[in-house]
């Protein structure tokens, strides 16, 4: 869906994303990093912040948290 937007819709509109990376880049990275469910949730939250009343700026995808259940015994 993000790729369809980037290929067919985005070229028809002036650049308007207030963030770096752009919202579509963020969405792709969020889904690759966190999977479809959490990545989509993060992307929707980001898109909801992308409006004229938000200052925007650098807003990277948060890193994937390591599982707290994985314990290494030495």
Protein backbone atom coordinates (compact mmCIF):
# COMPACT_ATOMS: atom_id res chain seq x y z
CA UNK A 1 0.00 0.00 0.00
CA UNK A 2 2.83 2.42 0.84
CA UNK A 3 4.60 1.58 -2.40
CA UNK A 4 1.38 2.25 -4.38
CA UNK A 5 1.07 5.64 -2.68
CA UNK A 6 4.70 6.50 -3.45
CA UNK A 7 4.41 5.45 -7.10
CA UNK A 8 0.99 6.82 -8.08
CA UNK A 9 -0.25 9.40 -5.58
CA UNK A 10 2.83 11.12 -4.18
CA UNK A 11 4.08 12.36 -7.59
CA UNK A 12 0.76 14.19 -8.10
CA UNK A 13 1.06 16.22 -4.90
CA UNK A 14 3.66 18.76 -3.78
CA UNK A 15 6.14 17.55 -1.13
CA UNK A 16 4.43 18.10 2.20
CA UNK A 17 5.92 15.73 4.78
CA UNK A 18 7.27 17.63 7.77
CA UNK A 19 9.51 14.80 8.90
CA UNK A 20 12.75 13.07 8.05
CA UNK A 21 12.54 10.31 7.02
CA UNK A 22 9.34 10.99 5.09
CA UNK A 23 6.19 9.28 6.34
CA UNK A 24 6.26 6.73 3.53
CA UNK A 25 9.94 5.92 4.17
CA UNK A 26 9.13 5.67 7.88
CA UNK A 27 6.26 3.29 7.16
CA UNK A 28 8.37 0.93 5.08
CA UNK A 29 11.16 0.89 7.67
CA UNK A 30 8.73 0.48 10.60
CA UNK A 31 7.10 -2.55 8.99
CA UNK A 32 10.48 -4.08 8.07
CA UNK A 33 11.78 -3.53 11.61
CA UNK A 34 8.72 -4.32 13.74
CA UNK A 35 6.50 -6.47 11.52
CA UNK A 36 3.14 -5.68 9.95
CA UNK A 37 1.08 -5.10 13.11
CA UNK A 38 3.36 -2.90 15.20
CA UNK A 39 4.92 -1.30 12.10
CA UNK A 40 1.48 -0.28 10.84
CA UNK A 41 0.57 1.09 14.27
CA UNK A 42 3.78 3.18 14.37
CA UNK A 43 3.13 4.41 10.82
CA UNK A 44 -0.44 5.49 11.61
CA UNK A 45 0.80 7.37 14.70
CA UNK A 46 3.42 9.12 12.56
CA UNK A 47 0.91 10.08 9.84
CA UNK A 48 -1.43 11.54 12.47
CA UNK A 49 1.43 13.82 13.62
CA UNK A 50 2.13 15.05 10.06
CA UNK A 51 0.10 18.25 9.96
CA UNK A 52 0.82 22.01 9.81
CA UNK A 53 0.59 22.44 13.59
CA UNK A 54 3.42 19.98 14.32
CA UNK A 55 6.98 21.23 13.91
CA UNK A 56 8.16 17.97 12.29
CA UNK A 57 11.88 17.31 12.09
CA UNK A 58 13.98 14.18 12.52
CA UNK A 59 11.80 11.31 13.75
CA UNK A 60 13.37 7.90 13.10
CA UNK A 61 11.71 4.52 13.55
CA UNK A 62 12.38 3.36 17.12
CA UNK A 63 14.73 0.38 17.35
CA UNK A 64 13.28 -3.03 18.01
CA UNK A 65 13.47 -3.82 21.71
CA UNK A 66 15.22 -7.01 22.62
CA UNK A 67 13.10 -9.61 24.32
CA UNK A 68 13.25 -9.34 28.09
CA UNK A 69 12.58 -13.06 28.28
CA UNK A 70 15.83 -14.02 26.60
CA UNK A 71 18.42 -14.62 29.26
CA UNK A 72 21.92 -15.79 28.65
CA UNK A 73 23.43 -18.12 31.20
CA UNK A 74 27.21 -18.08 31.41
